[in-house]
Amino acid sequence: QVQLVESGGGLVQAGGSLRLSCAASGNIFSIAAMGWYRQAPGKQRELVARIIRGGSTNYADSVKGRFTISRDNAKNMVYLQMNSLKSEDTAVYYCNLYQTPRRYWGKGTQVTVSS
């Protein structure tokens, strides 16, 4: 079993920045990918950013140029630096880890951007 714990969410004004962190622990032996998803009220959960083994990254079009995902392999942590935040970034942000054959989720951290 793998546990994921997110931190760093909060309330910020539009244009501001936040940094999310996710710590992975448990039965970790070969992480294929880690990433961040978000879910706004009334909407489906969507991919925000992902970093796969080897370091390649993917971003949602809506966050490209504003968000940066990074990973500390030694600490089994993944980060999401969010700059130039917009009200539409308001959502619960979930950390995600894929390790064959399962996908794991954190409980989420709320990000609220006030306009």
PDB file of N, CA and C in Angstrom:
ATOM      1  N   GLN A   1       0.849  -1.200   0.000  1.00  0.00           N
ATOM      2  CA  GLN A   1       0.000   0.000   0.000  1.00  0.00           C
ATOM      3  C   GLN A   1       0.882   1.245   0.000  1.00  0.00           C
ATOM      4  N   VAL A   2       0.383   2.282  -0.654  1.00  0.00           N
ATOM      5  CA  VAL A   2       1.090   3.555  -0.754  1.00  0.00           C
ATOM      6  C   VAL A   2       0.196   4.650  -0.198  1.00  0.00           C
ATOM      7  N   GLN A   3       0.776   5.546   0.560  1.00  0.00           N
ATOM      8  CA  GLN A   3       0.043   6.689   1.099  1.00  0.00           C
ATOM      9  C   GLN A   3       0.597   7.975   0.497  1.00  0.00           C
ATOM     10  N   LEU A   4      -0.314   8.880   0.194  1.00  0.00           N
ATOM     11  CA  LEU A   4       0.050  10.183  -0.355  1.00  0.00           C
ATOM     12  C   LEU A   4      -0.547  11.265   0.527  1.00  0.00           C
ATOM     13  N   VAL A   5       0.274  12.238   0.903  1.00  0.00           N
ATOM     14  CA  VAL A   5      -0.197  13.335   1.749  1.00  0.00           C
ATOM     15  C   VAL A   5       0.173  14.650   1.082  1.00  0.00           C
ATOM     16  N   GLU A   6      -0.868  15.426   0.760  1.00  0.00           N
ATOM     17  CA  GLU A   6      -0.661  16.733   0.138  1.00  0.00           C
ATOM     18  C   GLU A   6      -0.598  17.832   1.195  1.00  0.00           C
ATOM     19  N   SER A   7       0.099  18.907   0.847  1.00  0.00           N
ATOM     20  CA  SER A   7       0.123  20.094   1.698  1.00  0.00           C
ATOM     21  C   SER A   7       0.382  21.307   0.817  1.00  0.00           C
ATOM     22  N   GLY A   8       0.111  22.482   1.386  1.00  0.00           N
ATOM     23  CA  GLY A   8       0.431  23.714   0.687  1.00  0.00           C
ATOM     24  C   GLY A   8      -0.743  24.462   0.096  1.00  0.00           C
ATOM     25  N   GLY A   9      -1.927  23.887   0.179  1.00  0.00           N
ATOM     26  CA  GLY A   9      -3.086  24.602  -0.341  1.00  0.00           C
ATOM     27  C   GLY A   9      -3.444  25.788   0.541  1.00  0.00           C
ATOM     28  N   GLY A  10      -4.408  26.577   0.068  1.00  0.00           N
ATOM     29  CA  GLY A  10      -4.849  27.713   0.851  1.00  0.00           C
ATOM     30  C   GLY A  10      -5.585  28.720   0.016  1.00  0.00           C
ATOM     31  N   LEU A  11      -5.733  29.901   0.588  1.00  0.00           N
ATOM     32  CA  LEU A  11      -6.427  31.010  -0.063  1.00  0.00           C
ATOM     33  C   LEU A  11      -5.392  32.016  -0.545  1.00  0.00           C
ATOM     34  N   VAL A  12      -5.517  32.403  -1.803  1.00  0.00           N
ATOM     35  CA  VAL A  12      -4.576  33.361  -2.383  1.00  0.00           C
ATOM     36  C   VAL A  12      -5.327  34.278  -3.325  1.00  0.00           C
ATOM     37  N   GLN A  13      -4.829  35.478  -3.484  1.00  0.00           N
ATOM     38  CA  GLN A  13      -5.452  36.416  -4.424  1.00  0.00           C
ATOM     39  C   GLN A  13      -5.029  36.095  -5.850  1.00  0.00           C
ATOM     40  N   ALA A  14      -5.865  36.471  -6.766  1.00  0.00           N
ATOM     41  CA  ALA A  14      -5.534  36.285  -8.177  1.00  0.00           C
ATOM     42  C   ALA A  14      -4.197  36.958  -8.481  1.00  0.00           C
ATOM     43  N   GLY A  15      -3.386  36.250  -9.254  1.00  0.00           N
ATOM     44  CA  GLY A  15      -2.059  36.742  -9.562  1.00  0.00           C
ATOM     45  C   GLY A  15      -0.979  36.244  -8.621  1.00  0.00           C
ATOM     46  N   GLY A  16      -1.404  35.649  -7.521  1.00  0.00           N
ATOM     47  CA  GLY A  16      -0.467  35.165  -6.532  1.00  0.00           C
ATOM     48  C   GLY A  16       0.063  33.784  -6.852  1.00  0.00           C
ATOM     49  N   SER A  17       0.814  33.239  -5.897  1.00  0.00           N
ATOM     50  CA  SER A  17       1.469  31.946  -6.087  1.00  0.00           C
ATOM     51  C   SER A  17       1.236  31.048  -4.887  1.00  0.00           C
ATOM     52  N   LEU A  18       1.262  29.752  -5.159  1.00  0.00           N
ATOM     53  CA  LEU A  18       1.248  28.731  -4.123  1.00  0.00           C
ATOM     54  C   LEU A  18       2.140  27.582  -4.578  1.00  0.00           C
ATOM     55  N   ARG A  19       2.659  26.851  -3.600  1.00  0.00           N
ATOM     56  CA  ARG A  19       3.435  25.664  -3.902  1.00  0.00           C
ATOM     57  C   ARG A  19       2.823  24.477  -3.166  1.00  0.00           C
ATOM     58  N   LEU A  20       2.388  23.506  -3.923  1.00  0.00           N
ATOM     59  CA  LEU A  20       1.849  22.283  -3.343  1.00  0.00           C
ATOM     60  C   LEU A  20       2.952  21.230  -3.232  1.00  0.00           C
ATOM     61  N   SER A  21       2.859  20.453  -2.165  1.00  0.00           N
ATOM     62  CA  SER A  21       3.802  19.354  -1.959  1.00  0.00           C
ATOM     63  C   SER A  21       3.021  18.072  -1.732  1.00  0.00           C
ATOM     64  N   CYS A  22       3.619  16.965  -2.144  1.00  0.00           N
ATOM     65  CA  CYS A  22       3.007  15.656  -1.919  1.00  0.00           C
ATOM     66  C   CYS A  22       4.097  14.686  -1.501  1.00  0.00           C
ATOM     67  N   ALA A  23       3.891  14.071  -0.350  1.00  0.00           N
ATOM     68  CA  ALA A  23       4.846  13.087   0.155  1.00  0.00           C
ATOM     69  C   ALA A  23       4.269  11.691  -0.005  1.00  0.00           C
ATOM     70  N   ALA A  24       5.036  10.832  -0.625  1.00  0.00           N
ATOM     71  CA  ALA A  24       4.624   9.447  -0.822  1.00  0.00           C
ATOM     72  C   ALA A  24       5.378   8.551   0.149  1.00  0.00           C
ATOM     73  N   SER A  25       4.656   7.595   0.724  1.00  0.00           N
ATOM     74  CA  SER A  25       5.286   6.650   1.645  1.00  0.00           C
ATOM     75  C   SER A  25       4.617   5.291   1.509  1.00  0.00           C
ATOM     76  N   GLY A  26       5.243   4.292   2.110  1.00  0.00           N
ATOM     77  CA  GLY A  26       4.682   2.949   2.054  1.00  0.00           C
ATOM     78  C   GLY A  26       5.489   2.037   1.144  1.00  0.00           C
ATOM     79  N   ASN A  27       4.764   1.165   0.477  1.00  0.00           N
ATOM     80  CA  ASN A  27       5.390   0.131  -0.358  1.00  0.00           C
ATOM     81  C   ASN A  27       5.737   0.696  -1.734  1.00  0.00           C
ATOM     82  N   ILE A  28       6.767   1.536  -1.750  1.00  0.00           N
ATOM     83  CA  ILE A  28       7.199   2.168  -2.999  1.00  0.00           C
ATOM     84  C   ILE A  28       8.411   1.432  -3.518  1.00  0.00           C
ATOM     85  N   PHE A  29       8.318   0.962  -4.749  1.00  0.00           N
ATOM     86  CA  PHE A  29       9.464   0.248  -5.307  1.00  0.00           C
ATOM     87  C   PHE A  29       9.800   0.680  -6.728  1.00  0.00           C
ATOM     88  N   SER A  30       8.812   1.183  -7.473  1.00  0.00           N
ATOM     89  CA  SER A  30       9.104   1.604  -8.844  1.00  0.00           C
ATOM     90  C   SER A  30       7.986   2.518  -9.331  1.00  0.00           C
ATOM     91  N   ILE A  31       8.160   3.794  -9.083  1.00  0.00           N
ATOM     92  CA  ILE A  31       7.125   4.760  -9.462  1.00  0.00           C
ATOM     93  C   ILE A  31       7.206   5.035 -10.957  1.00  0.00           C
ATOM     94  N   ALA A  32       6.097   4.839 -11.633  1.00  0.00           N
ATOM     95  CA  ALA A  32       6.069   5.107 -13.070  1.00  0.00           C
ATOM     96  C   ALA A  32       5.751   6.574 -13.356  1.00  0.00           C
ATOM     97  N   ALA A  33       4.899   7.153 -12.530  1.00  0.00           N
ATOM     98  CA  ALA A  33       4.522   8.549 -12.752  1.00  0.00           C
ATOM     99  C   ALA A  33       3.920   9.117 -11.476  1.00  0.00           C
ATOM    100  N   MET A  34       4.123  10.404 -11.294  1.00  0.00           N
ATOM    101  CA  MET A  34       3.443  11.139 -10.229  1.00  0.00           C
ATOM    102  C   MET A  34       2.872  12.408 -10.835  1.00  0.00           C
ATOM    103  N   GLY A  35       1.794  12.871 -10.250  1.00  0.00           N
ATOM    104  CA  GLY A  35       1.204  14.053 -10.827  1.00  0.00           C
ATOM    105  C   GLY A  35       0.163  14.688  -9.943  1.00  0.00           C
ATOM    106  N   TRP A  36      -0.447  15.716 -10.491  1.00  0.00           N
ATOM    107  CA  TRP A  36      -1.492  16.473  -9.806  1.00  0.00           C
ATOM    108  C   TRP A  36      -2.725  16.532 -10.685  1.00  0.00           C
ATOM    109  N   TYR A  37      -3.849  16.297 -10.061  1.00  0.00           N
ATOM    110  CA  TYR A  37      -5.154  16.466 -10.687  1.00  0.00           C
ATOM    111  C   TYR A  37      -5.924  17.473  -9.856  1.00  0.00           C
ATOM    112  N   ARG A  38      -6.984  18.004 -10.423  1.00  0.00           N
ATOM    113  CA  ARG A  38      -7.832  18.915  -9.656  1.00  0.00           C
ATOM    114  C   ARG A  38      -9.282  18.701 -10.015  1.00  0.00           C
ATOM    115  N   GLN A  39     -10.133  19.053  -9.063  1.00  0.00           N
ATOM    116  CA  GLN A  39     -11.566  18.940  -9.278  1.00  0.00           C
ATOM    117  C   GLN A  39     -12.255  20.156  -8.685  1.00  0.00           C
ATOM    118  N   ALA A  40     -12.890  20.911  -9.553  1.00  0.00           N
ATOM    119  CA  ALA A  40     -13.666  22.073  -9.135  1.00  0.00           C
ATOM    120  C   ALA A  40     -15.104  21.637  -8.893  1.00  0.00           C
ATOM    121  N   PRO A  41     -15.851  22.395  -8.111  1.00  0.00           N
ATOM    122  CA  PRO A  41     -17.246  22.031  -7.829  1.00  0.00           C
ATOM    123  C   PRO A  41     -18.055  21.866  -9.105  1.00  0.00           C
ATOM    124  N   GLY A  42     -18.751  20.745  -9.209  1.00  0.00           N
ATOM    125  CA  GLY A  42     -19.595  20.493 -10.365  1.00  0.00           C
ATOM    126  C   GLY A  42     -18.855  20.054 -11.620  1.00  0.00           C
ATOM    127  N   LYS A  43     -17.546  19.858 -11.506  1.00  0.00           N
ATOM    128  CA  LYS A  43     -16.766  19.472 -12.675  1.00  0.00           C
ATOM    129  C   LYS A  43     -16.053  18.148 -12.428  1.00  0.00           C
ATOM    130  N   GLN A  44     -15.623  17.542 -13.514  1.00  0.00           N
ATOM    131  CA  GLN A  44     -14.886  16.292 -13.414  1.00  0.00           C
ATOM    132  C   GLN A  44     -13.439  16.554 -12.999  1.00  0.00           C
ATOM    133  N   ARG A  45     -12.845  15.548 -12.398  1.00  0.00           N
ATOM    134  CA  ARG A  45     -11.434  15.638 -12.054  1.00  0.00           C
ATOM    135  C   ARG A  45     -10.621  15.675 -13.339  1.00  0.00           C
ATOM    136  N   GLU A  46      -9.622  16.562 -13.371  1.00  0.00           N
ATOM    137  CA  GLU A  46      -8.821  16.717 -14.574  1.00  0.00           C
ATOM    138  C   GLU A  46      -7.337  16.720 -14.236  1.00  0.00           C
ATOM    139  N   LEU A  47      -6.544  16.281 -15.209  1.00  0.00           N
ATOM    140  CA  LEU A  47      -5.100  16.304 -15.052  1.00  0.00           C
ATOM    141  C   LEU A  47      -4.605  17.747 -15.092  1.00  0.00           C
ATOM    142  N   VAL A  48      -3.742  18.088 -14.144  1.00  0.00           N
ATOM    143  CA  VAL A  48      -3.087  19.392 -14.141  1.00  0.00           C
ATOM    144  C   VAL A  48      -1.671  19.257 -14.694  1.00  0.00           C
ATOM    145  N   ALA A  49      -0.911  18.352 -14.093  1.00  0.00           N
ATOM    146  CA  ALA A  49       0.474  18.151 -14.515  1.00  0.00           C
ATOM    147  C   ALA A  49       0.927  16.775 -14.067  1.00  0.00           C
ATOM    148  N   ARG A  50       1.852  16.223 -14.835  1.00  0.00           N
ATOM    149  CA  ARG A  50       2.336  14.880 -14.544  1.00  0.00           C
ATOM    150  C   ARG A  50       3.813  14.814 -14.894  1.00  0.00           C
ATOM    151  N   ILE A  51       4.565  14.051 -14.106  1.00  0.00           N
ATOM    152  CA  ILE A  51       5.970  13.820 -14.380  1.00  0.00           C
ATOM    153  C   ILE A  51       6.196  12.315 -14.336  1.00  0.00           C
ATOM    154  N   ILE A  52       6.774  11.803 -15.401  1.00  0.00           N
ATOM    155  CA  ILE A  52       6.946  10.359 -15.511  1.00  0.00           C
ATOM    156  C   ILE A  52       8.396   9.974 -15.269  1.00  0.00           C
ATOM    157  N   ARG A  53       8.603   8.669 -15.110  1.00  0.00           N
ATOM    158  CA  ARG A  53       9.960   8.156 -14.890  1.00  0.00           C
ATOM    159  C   ARG A  53      10.856   8.649 -16.014  1.00  0.00           C
ATOM    160  N   GLY A  54      11.971   9.208 -15.652  1.00  0.00           N
ATOM    161  CA  GLY A  54      12.862   9.770 -16.656  1.00  0.00           C
ATOM    162  C   GLY A  54      12.792  11.293 -16.694  1.00  0.00           C
ATOM    163  N   GLY A  55      11.705  11.837 -16.144  1.00  0.00           N
ATOM    164  CA  GLY A  55      11.620  13.274 -15.991  1.00  0.00           C
ATOM    165  C   GLY A  55      10.739  14.021 -16.983  1.00  0.00           C
ATOM    166  N   SER A  56      10.159  13.334 -17.935  1.00  0.00           N
ATOM    167  CA  SER A  56       9.275  14.036 -18.878  1.00  0.00           C
ATOM    168  C   SER A  56       8.036  14.535 -18.159  1.00  0.00           C
ATOM    169  N   THR A  57       7.534  15.672 -18.620  1.00  0.00           N
ATOM    170  CA  THR A  57       6.370  16.286 -17.983  1.00  0.00           C
ATOM    171  C   THR A  57       5.261  16.548 -18.996  1.00  0.00           C
ATOM    172  N   ASN A  58       4.034  16.559 -18.471  1.00  0.00           N
ATOM    173  CA  ASN A  58       2.861  16.929 -19.252  1.00  0.00           C
ATOM    174  C   ASN A  58       2.058  17.937 -18.449  1.00  0.00           C
ATOM    175  N   TYR A  59       1.466  18.899 -19.146  1.00  0.00           N
ATOM    176  CA  TYR A  59       0.654  19.915 -18.485  1.00  0.00           C
ATOM    177  C   TYR A  59      -0.666  20.078 -19.218  1.00  0.00           C
ATOM    178  N   ALA A  60      -1.693  20.412 -18.455  1.00  0.00           N
ATOM    179  CA  ALA A  60      -2.937  20.836 -19.079  1.00  0.00           C
ATOM    180  C   ALA A  60      -2.684  22.160 -19.784  1.00  0.00           C
ATOM    181  N   ASP A  61      -3.346  22.362 -20.893  1.00  0.00           N
ATOM    182  CA  ASP A  61      -3.151  23.603 -21.654  1.00  0.00           C
ATOM    183  C   ASP A  61      -3.443  24.827 -20.802  1.00  0.00           C
ATOM    184  N   SER A  62      -4.400  24.708 -19.900  1.00  0.00           N
ATOM    185  CA  SER A  62      -4.835  25.851 -19.099  1.00  0.00           C
ATOM    186  C   SER A  62      -3.783  26.316 -18.091  1.00  0.00           C
ATOM    187  N   VAL A  63      -2.780  25.482 -17.819  1.00  0.00           N
ATOM    188  CA  VAL A  63      -1.788  25.858 -16.815  1.00  0.00           C
ATOM    189  C   VAL A  63      -0.382  25.998 -17.402  1.00  0.00           C
ATOM    190  N   LYS A  64      -0.219  25.697 -18.655  1.00  0.00           N
ATOM    191  CA  LYS A  64       1.107  25.794 -19.276  1.00  0.00           C
ATOM    192  C   LYS A  64       1.648  27.212 -19.154  1.00  0.00           C
ATOM    193  N   GLY A  65       2.910  27.295 -18.758  1.00  0.00           N
ATOM    194  CA  GLY A  65       3.545  28.591 -18.591  1.00  0.00           C
ATOM    195  C   GLY A  65       3.313  29.225 -17.235  1.00  0.00           C
ATOM    196  N   ARG A  66       2.396  28.657 -16.454  1.00  0.00           N
ATOM    197  CA  ARG A  66       2.108  29.205 -15.121  1.00  0.00           C
ATOM    198  C   ARG A  66       2.477  28.218 -14.010  1.00  0.00           C
ATOM    199  N   PHE A  67       2.283  26.938 -14.268  1.00  0.00           N
ATOM    200  CA  PHE A  67       2.553  25.902 -13.263  1.00  0.00           C
ATOM    201  C   PHE A  67       3.790  25.107 -13.657  1.00  0.00           C
ATOM    202  N   THR A  68       4.514  24.647 -12.641  1.00  0.00           N
ATOM    203  CA  THR A  68       5.684  23.809 -12.870  1.00  0.00           C
ATOM    204  C   THR A  68       5.658  22.633 -11.909  1.00  0.00           C
ATOM    205  N   ILE A  69       5.760  21.441 -12.447  1.00  0.00           N
ATOM    206  CA  ILE A  69       5.825  20.245 -11.619  1.00  0.00           C
ATOM    207  C   ILE A  69       7.277  19.804 -11.496  1.00  0.00           C
ATOM    208  N   SER A  70       7.618  19.339 -10.301  1.00  0.00           N
ATOM    209  CA  SER A  70       8.974  18.827 -10.084  1.00  0.00           C
ATOM    210  C   SER A  70       8.908  17.674  -9.100  1.00  0.00           C
ATOM    211  N   ARG A  71       9.983  16.923  -9.034  1.00  0.00           N
ATOM    212  CA  ARG A  71       9.974  15.717  -8.209  1.00  0.00           C
ATOM    213  C   ARG A  71      11.327  15.535  -7.561  1.00  0.00           C
ATOM    214  N   ASP A  72      11.300  15.097  -6.316  1.00  0.00           N
ATOM    215  CA  ASP A  72      12.510  14.722  -5.582  1.00  0.00           C
ATOM    216  C   ASP A  72      12.460  13.204  -5.414  1.00  0.00           C
ATOM    217  N   ASN A  73      13.207  12.506  -6.248  1.00  0.00           N
ATOM    218  CA  ASN A  73      13.144  11.046  -6.242  1.00  0.00           C
ATOM    219  C   ASN A  73      13.659  10.461  -4.921  1.00  0.00           C
ATOM    220  N   ALA A  74      14.651  11.079  -4.351  1.00  0.00           N
ATOM    221  CA  ALA A  74      15.242  10.550  -3.114  1.00  0.00           C
ATOM    222  C   ALA A  74      14.252  10.606  -1.958  1.00  0.00           C
ATOM    223  N   LYS A  75      13.382  11.614  -1.987  1.00  0.00           N
ATOM    224  CA  LYS A  75      12.415  11.804  -0.901  1.00  0.00           C
ATOM    225  C   LYS A  75      11.029  11.307  -1.264  1.00  0.00           C
ATOM    226  N   ASN A  76      10.863  10.817  -2.496  1.00  0.00           N
ATOM    227  CA  ASN A  76       9.529  10.393  -2.967  1.00  0.00           C
ATOM    228  C   ASN A  76       8.514  11.508  -2.801  1.00  0.00           C
ATOM    229  N   MET A  77       8.901  12.679  -3.265  1.00  0.00           N
ATOM    230  CA  MET A  77       8.012  13.826  -3.184  1.00  0.00           C
ATOM    231  C   MET A  77       7.813  14.438  -4.573  1.00  0.00           C
ATOM    232  N   VAL A  78       6.655  15.053  -4.747  1.00  0.00           N
ATOM    233  CA  VAL A  78       6.369  15.782  -5.972  1.00  0.00           C
ATOM    234  C   VAL A  78       5.796  17.136  -5.570  1.00  0.00           C
ATOM    235  N   TYR A  79       6.133  18.146  -6.353  1.00  0.00           N
ATOM    236  CA  TYR A  79       5.738  19.517  -6.054  1.00  0.00           C
ATOM    237  C   TYR A  79       5.013  20.125  -7.251  1.00  0.00           C
ATOM    238  N   LEU A  80       4.193  21.103  -6.953  1.00  0.00           N
ATOM    239  CA  LEU A  80       3.539  21.864  -8.000  1.00  0.00           C
ATOM    240  C   LEU A  80       3.652  23.334  -7.641  1.00  0.00           C
ATOM    241  N   GLN A  81       4.493  24.045  -8.381  1.00  0.00           N
ATOM    242  CA  GLN A  81       4.615  25.492  -8.207  1.00  0.00           C
ATOM    243  C   GLN A  81       3.581  26.157  -9.098  1.00  0.00           C
ATOM    244  N   MET A  82       2.706  26.915  -8.488  1.00  0.00           N
ATOM    245  CA  MET A  82       1.613  27.555  -9.214  1.00  0.00           C
ATOM    246  C   MET A  82       1.779  29.055  -9.132  1.00  0.00           C
ATOM    247  N   ASN A  83       1.995  29.683 -10.273  1.00  0.00           N
ATOM    248  CA  ASN A  83       2.155  31.129 -10.356  1.00  0.00           C
ATOM    249  C   ASN A  83       1.025  31.740 -11.174  1.00  0.00           C
ATOM    250  N   SER A  84       0.877  33.030 -11.050  1.00  0.00           N
ATOM    251  CA  SER A  84      -0.154  33.762 -11.799  1.00  0.00           C
ATOM    252  C   SER A  84      -1.505  33.079 -11.675  1.00  0.00           C
ATOM    253  N   LEU A  85      -1.871  32.773 -10.461  1.00  0.00           N
ATOM    254  CA  LEU A  85      -3.111  32.034 -10.229  1.00  0.00           C
ATOM    255  C   LEU A  85      -4.330  32.846 -10.648  1.00  0.00           C
ATOM    256  N   LYS A  86      -5.321  32.110 -11.152  1.00  0.00           N
ATOM    257  CA  LYS A  86      -6.568  32.706 -11.606  1.00  0.00           C
ATOM    258  C   LYS A  86      -7.725  32.111 -10.807  1.00  0.00           C
ATOM    259  N   SER A  87      -8.840  32.789 -10.818  1.00  0.00           N
ATOM    260  CA  SER A  87      -9.996  32.290 -10.074  1.00  0.00           C
ATOM    261  C   SER A  87     -10.413  30.903 -10.572  1.00  0.00           C
ATOM    262  N   GLU A  88     -10.217  30.666 -11.861  1.00  0.00           N
ATOM    263  CA  GLU A  88     -10.597  29.357 -12.414  1.00  0.00           C
ATOM    264  C   GLU A  88      -9.672  28.222 -11.985  1.00  0.00           C
ATOM    265  N   ASP A  89      -8.598  28.548 -11.278  1.00  0.00           N
ATOM    266  CA  ASP A  89      -7.733  27.510 -10.713  1.00  0.00           C
ATOM    267  C   ASP A  89      -8.269  26.990  -9.382  1.00  0.00           C
ATOM    268  N   THR A  90      -9.314  27.614  -8.872  1.00  0.00           N
ATOM    269  CA  THR A  90      -9.908  27.177  -7.615  1.00  0.00           C
ATOM    270  C   THR A  90     -10.436  25.757  -7.741  1.00  0.00           C
ATOM    271  N   ALA A  91      -9.970  24.886  -6.860  1.00  0.00           N
ATOM    272  CA  ALA A  91     -10.346  23.478  -6.914  1.00  0.00           C
ATOM    273  C   ALA A  91      -9.677  22.744  -5.758  1.00  0.00           C
ATOM    274  N   VAL A  92     -10.077  21.495  -5.591  1.00  0.00           N
ATOM    275  CA  VAL A  92      -9.334  20.593  -4.716  1.00  0.00           C
ATOM    276  C   VAL A  92      -8.267  19.921  -5.585  1.00  0.00           C
ATOM    277  N   TYR A  93      -7.041  19.983  -5.127  1.00  0.00           N
ATOM    278  CA  TYR A  93      -5.921  19.421  -5.875  1.00  0.00           C
ATOM    279  C   TYR A  93      -5.509  18.086  -5.240  1.00  0.00           C
ATOM    280  N   TYR A  94      -5.413  17.069  -6.089  1.00  0.00           N
ATOM    281  CA  TYR A  94      -5.100  15.721  -5.631  1.00  0.00           C
ATOM    282  C   TYR A  94      -3.757  15.263  -6.181  1.00  0.00           C
ATOM    283  N   CYS A  95      -2.972  14.705  -5.306  1.00  0.00           N
ATOM    284  CA  CYS A  95      -1.733  14.074  -5.720  1.00  0.00           C
ATOM    285  C   CYS A  95      -2.049  12.666  -6.222  1.00  0.00           C
ATOM    286  N   ASN A  96      -1.322  12.249  -7.218  1.00  0.00           N
ATOM    287  CA  ASN A  96      -1.564  10.953  -7.847  1.00  0.00           C
ATOM    288  C   ASN A  96      -0.226  10.262  -8.096  1.00  0.00           C
ATOM    289  N   LEU A  97      -0.202   8.974  -7.854  1.00  0.00           N
ATOM    290  CA  LEU A  97       1.000   8.175  -8.094  1.00  0.00           C
ATOM    291  C   LEU A  97       0.597   6.904  -8.809  1.00  0.00           C
ATOM    292  N   TYR A  98       1.318   6.571  -9.878  1.00  0.00           N
ATOM    293  CA  TYR A  98       1.078   5.315 -10.575  1.00  0.00           C
ATOM    294  C   TYR A  98       2.298   4.425 -10.427  1.00  0.00           C
ATOM    295  N   GLN A  99       2.023   3.284  -9.840  1.00  0.00           N
ATOM    296  CA  GLN A  99       3.050   2.252  -9.677  1.00  0.00           C
ATOM    297  C   GLN A  99       2.385   0.942 -10.061  1.00  0.00           C
ATOM    298  N   THR A 100       2.876   0.328 -11.108  1.00  0.00           N
ATOM    299  CA  THR A 100       2.237  -0.871 -11.642  1.00  0.00           C
ATOM    300  C   THR A 100       1.910  -1.857 -10.528  1.00  0.00           C
ATOM    301  N   PRO A 101       0.695  -2.362 -10.400  1.00  0.00           N
ATOM    302  CA  PRO A 101      -0.397  -2.174 -11.345  1.00  0.00           C
ATOM    303  C   PRO A 101      -1.470  -1.194 -10.877  1.00  0.00           C
ATOM    304  N   ARG A 102      -1.115  -0.359  -9.879  1.00  0.00           N
ATOM    305  CA  ARG A 102      -2.157   0.480  -9.278  1.00  0.00           C
ATOM    306  C   ARG A 102      -1.880   1.959  -9.378  1.00  0.00           C
ATOM    307  N   ARG A 103      -2.973   2.705  -9.269  1.00  0.00           N
ATOM    308  CA  ARG A 103      -2.918   4.160  -9.162  1.00  0.00           C
ATOM    309  C   ARG A 103      -3.382   4.535  -7.757  1.00  0.00           C
ATOM    310  N   TYR A 104      -2.663   5.450  -7.134  1.00  0.00           N
ATOM    311  CA  TYR A 104      -2.987   5.888  -5.784  1.00  0.00           C
ATOM    312  C   TYR A 104      -3.331   7.371  -5.772  1.00  0.00           C
ATOM    313  N   TRP A 105      -4.191   7.743  -4.804  1.00  0.00           N
ATOM    314  CA  TRP A 105      -4.635   9.136  -4.676  1.00  0.00           C
ATOM    315  C   TRP A 105      -4.439   9.623  -3.250  1.00  0.00           C
ATOM    316  N   GLY A 106      -4.094  10.902  -3.131  1.00  0.00           N
ATOM    317  CA  GLY A 106      -4.138  11.549  -1.841  1.00  0.00           C
ATOM    318  C   GLY A 106      -5.545  12.025  -1.536  1.00  0.00           C
ATOM    319  N   LYS A 107      -5.727  12.613  -0.352  1.00  0.00           N
ATOM    320  CA  LYS A 107      -7.061  13.074   0.042  1.00  0.00           C
ATOM    321  C   LYS A 107      -7.388  14.438  -0.518  1.00  0.00           C
ATOM    322  N   GLY A 108      -6.396  15.151  -1.007  1.00  0.00           N
ATOM    323  CA  GLY A 108      -6.629  16.431  -1.633  1.00  0.00           C
ATOM    324  C   GLY A 108      -6.339  17.612  -0.725  1.00  0.00           C
ATOM    325  N   THR A 109      -6.037  18.735  -1.360  1.00  0.00           N
ATOM    326  CA  THR A 109      -5.837  19.993  -0.647  1.00  0.00           C
ATOM    327  C   THR A 109      -6.553  21.101  -1.409  1.00  0.00           C
ATOM    328  N   GLN A 110      -7.252  21.935  -0.677  1.00  0.00           N
ATOM    329  CA  GLN A 110      -8.078  22.977  -1.306  1.00  0.00           C
ATOM    330  C   GLN A 110      -7.215  24.172  -1.698  1.00  0.00           C
ATOM    331  N   VAL A 111      -7.401  24.615  -2.914  1.00  0.00           N
ATOM    332  CA  VAL A 111      -6.792  25.857  -3.399  1.00  0.00           C
ATOM    333  C   VAL A 111      -7.932  26.792  -3.790  1.00  0.00           C
ATOM    334  N   THR A 112      -7.954  27.968  -3.187  1.00  0.00           N
ATOM    335  CA  THR A 112      -8.986  28.941  -3.483  1.00  0.00           C
ATOM    336  C   THR A 112      -8.319  30.235  -3.924  1.00  0.00           C
ATOM    337  N   VAL A 113      -8.687  30.699  -5.101  1.00  0.00           N
ATOM    338  CA  VAL A 113      -8.111  31.923  -5.652  1.00  0.00           C
ATOM    339  C   VAL A 113      -9.210  32.975  -5.682  1.00  0.00           C
ATOM    340  N   SER A 114      -9.013  34.044  -4.967  1.00  0.00           N
ATOM    341  CA  SER A 114     -10.010  35.113  -4.911  1.00  0.00           C
ATOM    342  C   SER A 114      -9.698  36.162  -5.969  1.00  0.00           C
ATOM    343  N   SER A 115     -10.762  36.636  -6.593  1.00  0.00           N
ATOM    344  CA  SER A 115     -10.556  37.620  -7.667  1.00  0.00           C
ATOM    345  C   SER A 115     -10.704  39.034  -7.146  1.00  0.00           C
TER     346      SER A 115
END
